[in-house]
Amino acid sequence: MGDHKSPLRTLVLGPDRSGNMLEMIVLHFDDGREMVIHAMPMRAHYRRLLPRPPETKP
């Protein structure tokens, strides 16, 4: 990380097929390839990065 030759990294947060929230790190290479290098259940401190659901009116 930090040098110009390193692939771009993206943090992806979202549910798996069962609805469990995950955190993943994806590498993006210059040739268009992508590689997931980290995947685990989403830690609580990432929850603040997710959009809040709209408020429902009674």
N, C-alpha and C. Protein backbone atom coordinates (compact mmCIF):
# COMPACT_ATOMS: atom_id res chain seq x y z
N MET A 1 0.83 -1.18 0.00
CA MET A 1 0.00 0.00 0.00
C MET A 1 0.88 1.24 0.00
N GLY A 2 0.37 2.28 -0.65
CA GLY A 2 1.06 3.53 -0.59
C GLY A 2 1.96 3.81 -1.79
N ASP A 3 2.45 2.79 -2.51
CA ASP A 3 3.28 3.10 -3.66
C ASP A 3 2.42 3.04 -4.93
N HIS A 4 2.91 3.68 -5.99
CA HIS A 4 2.12 3.80 -7.22
C HIS A 4 2.00 2.50 -7.99
N LYS A 5 2.74 1.47 -7.62
CA LYS A 5 2.65 0.18 -8.32
C LYS A 5 1.64 -0.77 -7.67
N SER A 6 1.18 -0.44 -6.48
CA SER A 6 0.21 -1.30 -5.79
C SER A 6 -1.14 -1.20 -6.47
N PRO A 7 -1.86 -2.33 -6.58
CA PRO A 7 -3.21 -2.26 -7.14
C PRO A 7 -4.14 -1.44 -6.24
N LEU A 8 -5.12 -0.81 -6.85
CA LEU A 8 -6.14 -0.10 -6.11
C LEU A 8 -6.89 -1.10 -5.24
N ARG A 9 -7.20 -0.71 -4.01
CA ARG A 9 -7.95 -1.57 -3.08
C ARG A 9 -9.29 -0.93 -2.79
N THR A 10 -10.33 -1.74 -2.74
CA THR A 10 -11.67 -1.26 -2.43
C THR A 10 -12.24 -2.08 -1.28
N LEU A 11 -12.83 -1.39 -0.31
CA LEU A 11 -13.55 -2.05 0.77
C LEU A 11 -14.99 -2.23 0.29
N VAL A 12 -15.49 -3.45 0.36
CA VAL A 12 -16.87 -3.76 -0.03
C VAL A 12 -17.60 -4.29 1.20
N LEU A 13 -18.73 -3.67 1.51
CA LEU A 13 -19.57 -4.10 2.63
C LEU A 13 -20.93 -4.49 2.08
N GLY A 14 -21.44 -5.63 2.51
CA GLY A 14 -22.76 -6.03 2.04
C GLY A 14 -23.10 -7.44 2.46
N PRO A 15 -24.33 -7.83 2.17
CA PRO A 15 -24.80 -9.15 2.61
C PRO A 15 -24.36 -10.27 1.67
N ASP A 16 -24.19 -11.46 2.26
CA ASP A 16 -24.02 -12.65 1.43
C ASP A 16 -25.40 -13.17 1.04
N ARG A 17 -25.46 -14.31 0.42
CA ARG A 17 -26.75 -14.85 -0.04
C ARG A 17 -27.72 -15.18 1.08
N SER A 18 -27.18 -15.36 2.29
CA SER A 18 -28.02 -15.67 3.45
C SER A 18 -28.38 -14.43 4.27
N GLY A 19 -27.89 -13.26 3.85
CA GLY A 19 -28.19 -12.03 4.57
C GLY A 19 -27.19 -11.67 5.64
N ASN A 20 -26.11 -12.45 5.78
CA ASN A 20 -25.06 -12.13 6.75
C ASN A 20 -24.20 -11.00 6.19
N MET A 21 -23.93 -9.98 6.99
CA MET A 21 -23.14 -8.86 6.51
C MET A 21 -21.65 -9.23 6.49
N LEU A 22 -20.98 -8.89 5.37
CA LEU A 22 -19.58 -9.21 5.17
C LEU A 22 -18.77 -7.95 4.91
N GLU A 23 -17.47 -8.03 5.19
CA GLU A 23 -16.51 -7.03 4.74
C GLU A 23 -15.51 -7.75 3.84
N MET A 24 -15.20 -7.13 2.72
CA MET A 24 -14.26 -7.72 1.76
C MET A 24 -13.32 -6.63 1.26
N ILE A 25 -12.10 -7.01 0.97
CA ILE A 25 -11.14 -6.13 0.31
C ILE A 25 -10.90 -6.71 -1.08
N VAL A 26 -11.06 -5.86 -2.10
CA VAL A 26 -10.88 -6.28 -3.49
C VAL A 26 -9.70 -5.50 -4.08
N LEU A 27 -8.78 -6.22 -4.73
CA LEU A 27 -7.69 -5.59 -5.48
C LEU A 27 -8.15 -5.42 -6.92
N HIS A 28 -7.86 -4.27 -7.52
CA HIS A 28 -8.21 -3.97 -8.92
C HIS A 28 -6.91 -3.77 -9.69
N PHE A 29 -6.64 -4.66 -10.65
CA PHE A 29 -5.41 -4.61 -11.42
C PHE A 29 -5.60 -3.82 -12.71
N ASP A 30 -4.49 -3.30 -13.25
CA ASP A 30 -4.54 -2.49 -14.47
C ASP A 30 -5.14 -3.23 -15.66
N ASP A 31 -5.01 -4.55 -15.70
CA ASP A 31 -5.52 -5.31 -16.84
C ASP A 31 -7.01 -5.67 -16.70
N GLY A 32 -7.67 -5.13 -15.65
CA GLY A 32 -9.10 -5.36 -15.47
C GLY A 32 -9.45 -6.49 -14.52
N ARG A 33 -8.46 -7.27 -14.12
CA ARG A 33 -8.73 -8.35 -13.18
C ARG A 33 -9.04 -7.79 -11.80
N GLU A 34 -9.82 -8.54 -11.04
CA GLU A 34 -10.11 -8.20 -9.65
C GLU A 34 -9.88 -9.45 -8.81
N MET A 35 -9.42 -9.24 -7.58
CA MET A 35 -9.15 -10.36 -6.69
C MET A 35 -9.57 -9.99 -5.27
N VAL A 36 -10.40 -10.83 -4.67
CA VAL A 36 -10.77 -10.64 -3.27
C VAL A 36 -9.64 -11.20 -2.42
N ILE A 37 -9.09 -10.36 -1.53
CA ILE A 37 -7.98 -10.81 -0.69
C ILE A 37 -8.36 -10.90 0.79
N HIS A 38 -9.57 -10.48 1.11
CA HIS A 38 -10.01 -10.49 2.51
C HIS A 38 -11.52 -10.61 2.52
N ALA A 39 -12.06 -11.52 3.29
CA ALA A 39 -13.51 -11.65 3.47
C ALA A 39 -13.77 -12.23 4.84
N MET A 40 -14.65 -11.57 5.58
CA MET A 40 -15.01 -12.04 6.92
C MET A 40 -16.32 -11.38 7.33
N PRO A 41 -16.94 -11.87 8.40
CA PRO A 41 -18.14 -11.18 8.89
C PRO A 41 -17.81 -9.72 9.18
N MET A 42 -18.72 -8.83 8.83
CA MET A 42 -18.50 -7.40 8.99
C MET A 42 -18.38 -7.03 10.46
N ARG A 43 -17.32 -6.29 10.79
CA ARG A 43 -17.13 -5.81 12.16
C ARG A 43 -18.02 -4.60 12.42
N ALA A 44 -18.40 -4.43 13.68
CA ALA A 44 -19.37 -3.40 14.07
C ALA A 44 -18.94 -1.99 13.68
N HIS A 45 -17.64 -1.69 13.70
CA HIS A 45 -17.22 -0.31 13.42
C HIS A 45 -17.44 0.09 11.96
N TYR A 46 -17.70 -0.86 11.07
CA TYR A 46 -18.01 -0.52 9.68
C TYR A 46 -19.49 -0.17 9.48
N ARG A 47 -20.33 -0.48 10.43
CA ARG A 47 -21.77 -0.23 10.29
C ARG A 47 -22.08 1.24 10.02
N ARG A 48 -21.25 2.13 10.58
CA ARG A 48 -21.47 3.57 10.38
C ARG A 48 -21.27 4.01 8.93
N LEU A 49 -20.60 3.20 8.13
CA LEU A 49 -20.37 3.53 6.73
C LEU A 49 -21.56 3.17 5.83
N LEU A 50 -22.49 2.38 6.34
CA LEU A 50 -23.63 1.95 5.53
C LEU A 50 -24.74 2.99 5.56
N PRO A 51 -25.49 3.11 4.46
CA PRO A 51 -26.62 4.05 4.46
C PRO A 51 -27.68 3.60 5.45
N ARG A 52 -28.35 4.55 6.04
CA ARG A 52 -29.44 4.23 6.96
C ARG A 52 -30.72 4.00 6.17
N PRO A 53 -31.54 3.05 6.60
CA PRO A 53 -32.81 2.84 5.89
C PRO A 53 -33.71 4.06 6.08
N PRO A 54 -34.58 4.33 5.11
CA PRO A 54 -35.48 5.47 5.24
C PRO A 54 -36.42 5.27 6.43
N GLU A 55 -36.79 6.36 7.05
CA GLU A 55 -37.74 6.30 8.18
C GLU A 55 -39.12 5.92 7.65
N THR A 56 -39.80 5.07 8.37
CA THR A 56 -41.15 4.70 7.96
C THR A 56 -42.17 5.58 8.69
N LYS A 57 -43.22 5.95 7.97
CA LYS A 57 -44.28 6.77 8.57
C LYS A 57 -45.38 5.85 9.09
N PRO A 58 -45.88 6.16 10.29
CA PRO A 58 -46.94 5.31 10.87
C PRO A 58 -48.25 5.43 10.12
